[in-house]
Amino acid sequence: MTMPAFEDRPPLTERVNPYDERHLVTYIRLLDAEAEGADWREVVHVIFGLDAAHEPERAKIVHDSHLARARWMTETGYRHLLEPRMQ
């Protein structure tokens, strides 16, 4: 599976944005890993290809910020995906 290019922090907007749309699978994988109790260091390595031992601060920021956005998608953002698109 090819990972879309990622930022250290996803853009925080009040609506689903193109970054969110590109990373829906990433968000689902993060939520699945959390539900399984996976260690965040392993998760960030598998999903983002980052070595938490080599870049601990960046790896933690990437993991936590994307997981927070994934949670937002399950609580609020998904509603925007269900709305009809305006032409």
PDB file of N, CA and C in Angstrom:
ATOM      1  N   MET A   1       0.851  -1.181   0.000  1.00  0.00           N
ATOM      2  CA  MET A   1       0.000   0.000   0.000  1.00  0.00           C
ATOM      3  C   MET A   1       0.892   1.237   0.000  1.00  0.00           C
ATOM      4  N   THR A   2       0.611   2.145  -0.887  1.00  0.00           N
ATOM      5  CA  THR A   2       1.376   3.383  -0.983  1.00  0.00           C
ATOM      6  C   THR A   2       0.787   4.420  -0.042  1.00  0.00           C
ATOM      7  N   MET A   3       1.645   5.022   0.734  1.00  0.00           N
ATOM      8  CA  MET A   3       1.222   6.040   1.691  1.00  0.00           C
ATOM      9  C   MET A   3       1.223   7.396   1.001  1.00  0.00           C
ATOM     10  N   PRO A   4       0.088   8.123   1.054  1.00  0.00           N
ATOM     11  CA  PRO A   4       0.106   9.475   0.494  1.00  0.00           C
ATOM     12  C   PRO A   4       1.094  10.351   1.274  1.00  0.00           C
ATOM     13  N   ALA A   5       1.653  11.334   0.614  1.00  0.00           N
ATOM     14  CA  ALA A   5       2.552  12.261   1.295  1.00  0.00           C
ATOM     15  C   ALA A   5       1.834  12.853   2.500  1.00  0.00           C
ATOM     16  N   PHE A   6       2.568  13.036   3.584  1.00  0.00           N
ATOM     17  CA  PHE A   6       1.934  13.539   4.796  1.00  0.00           C
ATOM     18  C   PHE A   6       2.708  14.700   5.395  1.00  0.00           C
ATOM     19  N   GLU A   7       1.976  15.538   6.093  1.00  0.00           N
ATOM     20  CA  GLU A   7       2.549  16.646   6.860  1.00  0.00           C
ATOM     21  C   GLU A   7       2.769  16.144   8.294  1.00  0.00           C
ATOM     22  N   ASP A   8       3.581  16.856   9.057  1.00  0.00           N
ATOM     23  CA  ASP A   8       3.747  16.459  10.454  1.00  0.00           C
ATOM     24  C   ASP A   8       2.443  16.604  11.223  1.00  0.00           C
ATOM     25  N   ARG A   9       1.661  17.600  10.861  1.00  0.00           N
ATOM     26  CA  ARG A   9       0.342  17.810  11.464  1.00  0.00           C
ATOM     27  C   ARG A   9      -0.670  17.998  10.337  1.00  0.00           C
ATOM     28  N   PRO A  10      -1.796  17.295  10.409  1.00  0.00           N
ATOM     29  CA  PRO A  10      -2.799  17.524   9.366  1.00  0.00           C
ATOM     30  C   PRO A  10      -3.393  18.918   9.511  1.00  0.00           C
ATOM     31  N   PRO A  11      -3.841  19.517   8.429  1.00  0.00           N
ATOM     32  CA  PRO A  11      -4.480  20.829   8.522  1.00  0.00           C
ATOM     33  C   PRO A  11      -5.755  20.723   9.357  1.00  0.00           C
ATOM     34  N   LEU A  12      -5.900  21.617  10.305  1.00  0.00           N
ATOM     35  CA  LEU A  12      -7.079  21.606  11.173  1.00  0.00           C
ATOM     36  C   LEU A  12      -8.091  22.606  10.637  1.00  0.00           C
ATOM     37  N   THR A  13      -9.089  22.098   9.998  1.00  0.00           N
ATOM     38  CA  THR A  13     -10.155  22.914   9.451  1.00  0.00           C
ATOM     39  C   THR A  13     -11.474  22.446  10.063  1.00  0.00           C
ATOM     40  N   GLU A  14     -12.488  23.271   9.961  1.00  0.00           N
ATOM     41  CA  GLU A  14     -13.784  22.917  10.529  1.00  0.00           C
ATOM     42  C   GLU A  14     -14.553  21.942   9.646  1.00  0.00           C
ATOM     43  N   ARG A  15     -14.079  21.751   8.448  1.00  0.00           N
ATOM     44  CA  ARG A  15     -14.713  20.820   7.514  1.00  0.00           C
ATOM     45  C   ARG A  15     -13.647  19.865   6.986  1.00  0.00           C
ATOM     46  N   VAL A  16     -14.095  18.764   6.464  1.00  0.00           N
ATOM     47  CA  VAL A  16     -13.176  17.823   5.831  1.00  0.00           C
ATOM     48  C   VAL A  16     -12.465  18.546   4.694  1.00  0.00           C
ATOM     49  N   ASN A  17     -11.176  18.381   4.612  1.00  0.00           N
ATOM     50  CA  ASN A  17     -10.381  19.039   3.583  1.00  0.00           C
ATOM     51  C   ASN A  17      -9.740  17.983   2.682  1.00  0.00           C
ATOM     52  N   PRO A  18      -9.130  18.401   1.590  1.00  0.00           N
ATOM     53  CA  PRO A  18      -8.511  17.430   0.675  1.00  0.00           C
ATOM     54  C   PRO A  18      -7.477  16.529   1.358  1.00  0.00           C
ATOM     55  N   TYR A  19      -6.743  17.057   2.317  1.00  0.00           N
ATOM     56  CA  TYR A  19      -5.767  16.242   3.055  1.00  0.00           C
ATOM     57  C   TYR A  19      -6.489  15.108   3.770  1.00  0.00           C
ATOM     58  N   ASP A  20      -7.601  15.433   4.441  1.00  0.00           N
ATOM     59  CA  ASP A  20      -8.380  14.400   5.129  1.00  0.00           C
ATOM     60  C   ASP A  20      -8.852  13.335   4.147  1.00  0.00           C
ATOM     61  N   GLU A  21      -9.347  13.768   3.009  1.00  0.00           N
ATOM     62  CA  GLU A  21      -9.843  12.818   2.012  1.00  0.00           C
ATOM     63  C   GLU A  21      -8.735  11.880   1.541  1.00  0.00           C
ATOM     64  N   ARG A  22      -7.532  12.414   1.342  1.00  0.00           N
ATOM     65  CA  ARG A  22      -6.402  11.572   0.915  1.00  0.00           C
ATOM     66  C   ARG A  22      -5.967  10.611   2.016  1.00  0.00           C
ATOM     67  N   HIS A  23      -6.227  10.973   3.266  1.00  0.00           N
ATOM     68  CA  HIS A  23      -5.720  10.181   4.392  1.00  0.00           C
ATOM     69  C   HIS A  23      -6.793   9.401   5.140  1.00  0.00           C
ATOM     70  N   LEU A  24      -7.937   9.189   4.536  1.00  0.00           N
ATOM     71  CA  LEU A  24      -8.979   8.411   5.211  1.00  0.00           C
ATOM     72  C   LEU A  24      -8.474   7.035   5.623  1.00  0.00           C
ATOM     73  N   VAL A  25      -7.758   6.365   4.755  1.00  0.00           N
ATOM     74  CA  VAL A  25      -7.232   5.037   5.092  1.00  0.00           C
ATOM     75  C   VAL A  25      -6.218   5.145   6.230  1.00  0.00           C
ATOM     76  N   THR A  26      -5.397   6.165   6.205  1.00  0.00           N
ATOM     77  CA  THR A  26      -4.433   6.391   7.282  1.00  0.00           C
ATOM     78  C   THR A  26      -5.167   6.553   8.612  1.00  0.00           C
ATOM     79  N   TYR A  27      -6.211   7.357   8.619  1.00  0.00           N
ATOM     80  CA  TYR A  27      -6.989   7.581   9.839  1.00  0.00           C
ATOM     81  C   TYR A  27      -7.608   6.285  10.344  1.00  0.00           C
ATOM     82  N   ILE A  28      -8.143   5.486   9.442  1.00  0.00           N
ATOM     83  CA  ILE A  28      -8.744   4.212   9.846  1.00  0.00           C
ATOM     84  C   ILE A  28      -7.686   3.284  10.433  1.00  0.00           C
ATOM     85  N   ARG A  29      -6.531   3.241   9.813  1.00  0.00           N
ATOM     86  CA  ARG A  29      -5.449   2.395  10.327  1.00  0.00           C
ATOM     87  C   ARG A  29      -5.013   2.851  11.721  1.00  0.00           C
ATOM     88  N   LEU A  30      -4.938   4.160  11.945  1.00  0.00           N
ATOM     89  CA  LEU A  30      -4.577   4.671  13.263  1.00  0.00           C
ATOM     90  C   LEU A  30      -5.618   4.290  14.308  1.00  0.00           C
ATOM     91  N   LEU A  31      -6.883   4.431  13.968  1.00  0.00           N
ATOM     92  CA  LEU A  31      -7.956   4.078  14.899  1.00  0.00           C
ATOM     93  C   LEU A  31      -7.959   2.583  15.193  1.00  0.00           C
ATOM     94  N   ASP A  32      -7.725   1.761  14.188  1.00  0.00           N
ATOM     95  CA  ASP A  32      -7.645   0.310  14.394  1.00  0.00           C
ATOM     96  C   ASP A  32      -6.487  -0.049  15.317  1.00  0.00           C
ATOM     97  N   ALA A  33      -5.344   0.579  15.073  1.00  0.00           N
ATOM     98  CA  ALA A  33      -4.169   0.306  15.903  1.00  0.00           C
ATOM     99  C   ALA A  33      -4.432   0.711  17.355  1.00  0.00           C
ATOM    100  N   GLU A  34      -5.071   1.849  17.543  1.00  0.00           N
ATOM    101  CA  GLU A  34      -5.391   2.294  18.901  1.00  0.00           C
ATOM    102  C   GLU A  34      -6.337   1.303  19.581  1.00  0.00           C
ATOM    103  N   ALA A  35      -7.352   0.855  18.854  1.00  0.00           N
ATOM    104  CA  ALA A  35      -8.327  -0.094  19.416  1.00  0.00           C
ATOM    105  C   ALA A  35      -7.657  -1.412  19.805  1.00  0.00           C
ATOM    106  N   GLU A  36      -6.618  -1.779  19.074  1.00  0.00           N
ATOM    107  CA  GLU A  36      -5.890  -3.014  19.372  1.00  0.00           C
ATOM    108  C   GLU A  36      -4.839  -2.833  20.462  1.00  0.00           C
ATOM    109  N   GLY A  37      -4.629  -1.592  20.893  1.00  0.00           N
ATOM    110  CA  GLY A  37      -3.643  -1.331  21.934  1.00  0.00           C
ATOM    111  C   GLY A  37      -2.209  -1.371  21.441  1.00  0.00           C
ATOM    112  N   ALA A  38      -2.011  -1.128  20.173  1.00  0.00           N
ATOM    113  CA  ALA A  38      -0.661  -1.158  19.594  1.00  0.00           C
ATOM    114  C   ALA A  38       0.191  -0.016  20.138  1.00  0.00           C
ATOM    115  N   ASP A  39       1.462  -0.268  20.267  1.00  0.00           N
ATOM    116  CA  ASP A  39       2.409   0.744  20.727  1.00  0.00           C
ATOM    117  C   ASP A  39       2.538   1.824  19.653  1.00  0.00           C
ATOM    118  N   TRP A  40       2.436   3.088  20.053  1.00  0.00           N
ATOM    119  CA  TRP A  40       2.452   4.192  19.098  1.00  0.00           C
ATOM    120  C   TRP A  40       3.732   4.208  18.270  1.00  0.00           C
ATOM    121  N   ARG A  41       4.852   3.777  18.853  1.00  0.00           N
ATOM    122  CA  ARG A  41       6.131   3.787  18.126  1.00  0.00           C
ATOM    123  C   ARG A  41       6.104   2.803  16.951  1.00  0.00           C
ATOM    124  N   GLU A  42       5.493   1.651  17.174  1.00  0.00           N
ATOM    125  CA  GLU A  42       5.359   0.678  16.088  1.00  0.00           C
ATOM    126  C   GLU A  42       4.379   1.192  15.034  1.00  0.00           C
ATOM    127  N   VAL A  43       3.299   1.795  15.500  1.00  0.00           N
ATOM    128  CA  VAL A  43       2.272   2.317  14.589  1.00  0.00           C
ATOM    129  C   VAL A  43       2.854   3.393  13.679  1.00  0.00           C
ATOM    130  N   VAL A  44       3.583   4.330  14.247  1.00  0.00           N
ATOM    131  CA  VAL A  44       4.148   5.424  13.439  1.00  0.00           C
ATOM    132  C   VAL A  44       5.182   4.882  12.451  1.00  0.00           C
ATOM    133  N   HIS A  45       5.842   3.811  12.818  1.00  0.00           N
ATOM    134  CA  HIS A  45       6.802   3.200  11.891  1.00  0.00           C
ATOM    135  C   HIS A  45       6.074   2.506  10.740  1.00  0.00           C
ATOM    136  N   VAL A  46       5.055   1.719  11.071  1.00  0.00           N
ATOM    137  CA  VAL A  46       4.331   0.969  10.041  1.00  0.00           C
ATOM    138  C   VAL A  46       3.545   1.897   9.117  1.00  0.00           C
ATOM    139  N   ILE A  47       2.842   2.861   9.686  1.00  0.00           N
ATOM    140  CA  ILE A  47       1.964   3.707   8.883  1.00  0.00           C
ATOM    141  C   ILE A  47       2.704   4.841   8.184  1.00  0.00           C
ATOM    142  N   PHE A  48       3.623   5.492   8.907  1.00  0.00           N
ATOM    143  CA  PHE A  48       4.293   6.674   8.350  1.00  0.00           C
ATOM    144  C   PHE A  48       5.753   6.431   7.951  1.00  0.00           C
ATOM    145  N   GLY A  49       6.284   5.279   8.314  1.00  0.00           N
ATOM    146  CA  GLY A  49       7.676   4.992   7.979  1.00  0.00           C
ATOM    147  C   GLY A  49       8.671   5.790   8.793  1.00  0.00           C
ATOM    148  N   LEU A  50       8.258   6.253   9.980  1.00  0.00           N
ATOM    149  CA  LEU A  50       9.146   7.048  10.833  1.00  0.00           C
ATOM    150  C   LEU A  50       9.741   6.178  11.934  1.00  0.00           C
ATOM    151  N   ASP A  51      10.988   6.435  12.253  1.00  0.00           N
ATOM    152  CA  ASP A  51      11.676   5.717  13.324  1.00  0.00           C
ATOM    153  C   ASP A  51      11.601   6.562  14.593  1.00  0.00           C
ATOM    154  N   ALA A  52      10.787   6.119  15.545  1.00  0.00           N
ATOM    155  CA  ALA A  52      10.591   6.870  16.785  1.00  0.00           C
ATOM    156  C   ALA A  52      11.862   6.940  17.625  1.00  0.00           C
ATOM    157  N   ALA A  53      12.759   5.997  17.454  1.00  0.00           N
ATOM    158  CA  ALA A  53      14.025   6.044  18.189  1.00  0.00           C
ATOM    159  C   ALA A  53      14.948   7.119  17.619  1.00  0.00           C
ATOM    160  N   HIS A  54      14.845   7.332  16.320  1.00  0.00           N
ATOM    161  CA  HIS A  54      15.710   8.311  15.648  1.00  0.00           C
ATOM    162  C   HIS A  54      15.133   9.730  15.713  1.00  0.00           C
ATOM    163  N   GLU A  55      13.810   9.850  15.570  1.00  0.00           N
ATOM    164  CA  GLU A  55      13.121  11.150  15.587  1.00  0.00           C
ATOM    165  C   GLU A  55      11.943  11.092  16.569  1.00  0.00           C
ATOM    166  N   PRO A  56      12.215  10.968  17.861  1.00  0.00           N
ATOM    167  CA  PRO A  56      11.115  10.749  18.815  1.00  0.00           C
ATOM    168  C   PRO A  56      10.088  11.880  18.878  1.00  0.00           C
ATOM    169  N   GLU A  57      10.527  13.118  18.865  1.00  0.00           N
ATOM    170  CA  GLU A  57       9.575  14.233  18.961  1.00  0.00           C
ATOM    171  C   GLU A  57       8.700  14.325  17.716  1.00  0.00           C
ATOM    172  N   ARG A  58       9.328  14.247  16.562  1.00  0.00           N
ATOM    173  CA  ARG A  58       8.560  14.326  15.316  1.00  0.00           C
ATOM    174  C   ARG A  58       7.601  13.144  15.201  1.00  0.00           C
ATOM    175  N   ALA A  59       8.083  11.954  15.505  1.00  0.00           N
ATOM    176  CA  ALA A  59       7.243  10.759  15.404  1.00  0.00           C
ATOM    177  C   ALA A  59       6.021  10.877  16.309  1.00  0.00           C
ATOM    178  N   LYS A  60       6.213  11.377  17.508  1.00  0.00           N
ATOM    179  CA  LYS A  60       5.099  11.531  18.450  1.00  0.00           C
ATOM    180  C   LYS A  60       4.110  12.574  17.947  1.00  0.00           C
ATOM    181  N   ILE A  61       4.605  13.680  17.421  1.00  0.00           N
ATOM    182  CA  ILE A  61       3.736  14.728  16.874  1.00  0.00           C
ATOM    183  C   ILE A  61       2.920  14.186  15.703  1.00  0.00           C
ATOM    184  N   VAL A  62       3.576  13.498  14.787  1.00  0.00           N
ATOM    185  CA  VAL A  62       2.888  12.947  13.619  1.00  0.00           C
ATOM    186  C   VAL A  62       1.803  11.969  14.073  1.00  0.00           C
ATOM    187  N   HIS A  63       2.168  11.063  14.946  1.00  0.00           N
ATOM    188  CA  HIS A  63       1.197  10.071  15.427  1.00  0.00           C
ATOM    189  C   HIS A  63       0.026  10.740  16.128  1.00  0.00           C
ATOM    190  N   ASP A  64       0.321  11.542  17.130  1.00  0.00           N
ATOM    191  CA  ASP A  64      -0.748  12.122  17.959  1.00  0.00           C
ATOM    192  C   ASP A  64      -1.648  13.074  17.178  1.00  0.00           C
ATOM    193  N   SER A  65      -1.066  13.889  16.314  1.00  0.00           N
ATOM    194  CA  SER A  65      -1.884  14.849  15.573  1.00  0.00           C
ATOM    195  C   SER A  65      -2.784  14.156  14.555  1.00  0.00           C
ATOM    196  N   HIS A  66      -2.280  13.124  13.905  1.00  0.00           N
ATOM    197  CA  HIS A  66      -3.106  12.394  12.940  1.00  0.00           C
ATOM    198  C   HIS A  66      -4.167  11.550  13.657  1.00  0.00           C
ATOM    199  N   LEU A  67      -3.826  10.994  14.801  1.00  0.00           N
ATOM    200  CA  LEU A  67      -4.821  10.240  15.565  1.00  0.00           C
ATOM    201  C   LEU A  67      -5.928  11.171  16.058  1.00  0.00           C
ATOM    202  N   ALA A  68      -5.566  12.352  16.497  1.00  0.00           N
ATOM    203  CA  ALA A  68      -6.578  13.326  16.932  1.00  0.00           C
ATOM    204  C   ALA A  68      -7.498  13.696  15.763  1.00  0.00           C
ATOM    205  N   ARG A  69      -6.931  13.878  14.585  1.00  0.00           N
ATOM    206  CA  ARG A  69      -7.760  14.203  13.419  1.00  0.00           C
ATOM    207  C   ARG A  69      -8.632  13.009  13.039  1.00  0.00           C
ATOM    208  N   ALA A  70      -8.116  11.819  13.177  1.00  0.00           N
ATOM    209  CA  ALA A  70      -8.908  10.613  12.907  1.00  0.00           C
ATOM    210  C   ALA A  70     -10.103  10.544  13.863  1.00  0.00           C
ATOM    211  N   ARG A  71      -9.876  10.868  15.119  1.00  0.00           N
ATOM    212  CA  ARG A  71     -10.986  10.888  16.086  1.00  0.00           C
ATOM    213  C   ARG A  71     -12.002  11.962  15.703  1.00  0.00           C
ATOM    214  N   TRP A  72     -11.518  13.127  15.287  1.00  0.00           N
ATOM    215  CA  TRP A  72     -12.414  14.199  14.852  1.00  0.00           C
ATOM    216  C   TRP A  72     -13.272  13.724  13.682  1.00  0.00           C
ATOM    217  N   MET A  73     -12.658  12.984  12.774  1.00  0.00           N
ATOM    218  CA  MET A  73     -13.407  12.473  11.624  1.00  0.00           C
ATOM    219  C   MET A  73     -14.552  11.562  12.080  1.00  0.00           C
ATOM    220  N   THR A  74     -14.334  10.767  13.130  1.00  0.00           N
ATOM    221  CA  THR A  74     -15.389   9.854  13.584  1.00  0.00           C
ATOM    222  C   THR A  74     -16.473  10.577  14.364  1.00  0.00           C
ATOM    223  N   GLU A  75     -16.148  11.727  14.917  1.00  0.00           N
ATOM    224  CA  GLU A  75     -17.107  12.458  15.748  1.00  0.00           C
ATOM    225  C   GLU A  75     -17.843  13.550  14.972  1.00  0.00           C
ATOM    226  N   THR A  76     -17.161  14.207  14.070  1.00  0.00           N
ATOM    227  CA  THR A  76     -17.721  15.363  13.374  1.00  0.00           C
ATOM    228  C   THR A  76     -17.522  15.306  11.866  1.00  0.00           C
ATOM    229  N   GLY A  77     -16.316  15.079  11.451  1.00  0.00           N
ATOM    230  CA  GLY A  77     -15.951  15.190  10.050  1.00  0.00           C
ATOM    231  C   GLY A  77     -16.727  14.300   9.105  1.00  0.00           C
ATOM    232  N   TYR A  78     -17.089  13.102   9.564  1.00  0.00           N
ATOM    233  CA  TYR A  78     -17.784  12.172   8.670  1.00  0.00           C
ATOM    234  C   TYR A  78     -19.077  12.768   8.129  1.00  0.00           C
ATOM    235  N   ARG A  79     -19.703  13.648   8.899  1.00  0.00           N
ATOM    236  CA  ARG A  79     -20.963  14.266   8.456  1.00  0.00           C
ATOM    237  C   ARG A  79     -20.775  15.034   7.156  1.00  0.00           C
ATOM    238  N   HIS A  80     -19.619  15.658   7.029  1.00  0.00           N
ATOM    239  CA  HIS A  80     -19.335  16.432   5.831  1.00  0.00           C
ATOM    240  C   HIS A  80     -19.179  15.534   4.607  1.00  0.00           C
ATOM    241  N   LEU A  81     -18.736  14.311   4.824  1.00  0.00           N
ATOM    242  CA  LEU A  81     -18.593  13.378   3.713  1.00  0.00           C
ATOM    243  C   LEU A  81     -19.945  12.925   3.178  1.00  0.00           C
ATOM    244  N   LEU A  82     -20.961  13.010   4.028  1.00  0.00           N
ATOM    245  CA  LEU A  82     -22.297  12.560   3.643  1.00  0.00           C
ATOM    246  C   LEU A  82     -23.114  13.639   2.961  1.00  0.00           C
ATOM    247  N   GLU A  83     -22.665  14.873   3.043  1.00  0.00           N
ATOM    248  CA  GLU A  83     -23.393  15.982   2.424  1.00  0.00           C
ATOM    249  C   GLU A  83     -23.213  15.956   0.912  1.00  0.00           C
ATOM    250  N   PRO A  84     -24.268  16.370   0.182  1.00  0.00           N
ATOM    251  CA  PRO A  84     -24.096  16.459  -1.273  1.00  0.00           C
ATOM    252  C   PRO A  84     -23.040  17.501  -1.622  1.00  0.00           C
ATOM    253  N   ARG A  85     -22.255  17.220  -2.629  1.00  0.00           N
ATOM    254  CA  ARG A  85     -21.218  18.163  -3.070  1.00  0.00           C
ATOM    255  C   ARG A  85     -21.877  19.235  -3.919  1.00  0.00           C
ATOM    256  N   MET A  86     -21.451  20.455  -3.686  1.00  0.00           N
ATOM    257  CA  MET A  86     -21.966  21.587  -4.473  1.00  0.00           C
ATOM    258  C   MET A  86     -21.148  21.701  -5.754  1.00  0.00           C
ATOM    259  N   GLN A  87     -21.790  21.951  -6.832  1.00  0.00           N
ATOM    260  CA  GLN A  87     -21.114  22.047  -8.132  1.00  0.00           C
ATOM    261  C   GLN A  87     -20.596  23.436  -8.356  1.00  0.00           C
TER     262      GLN A  87
END
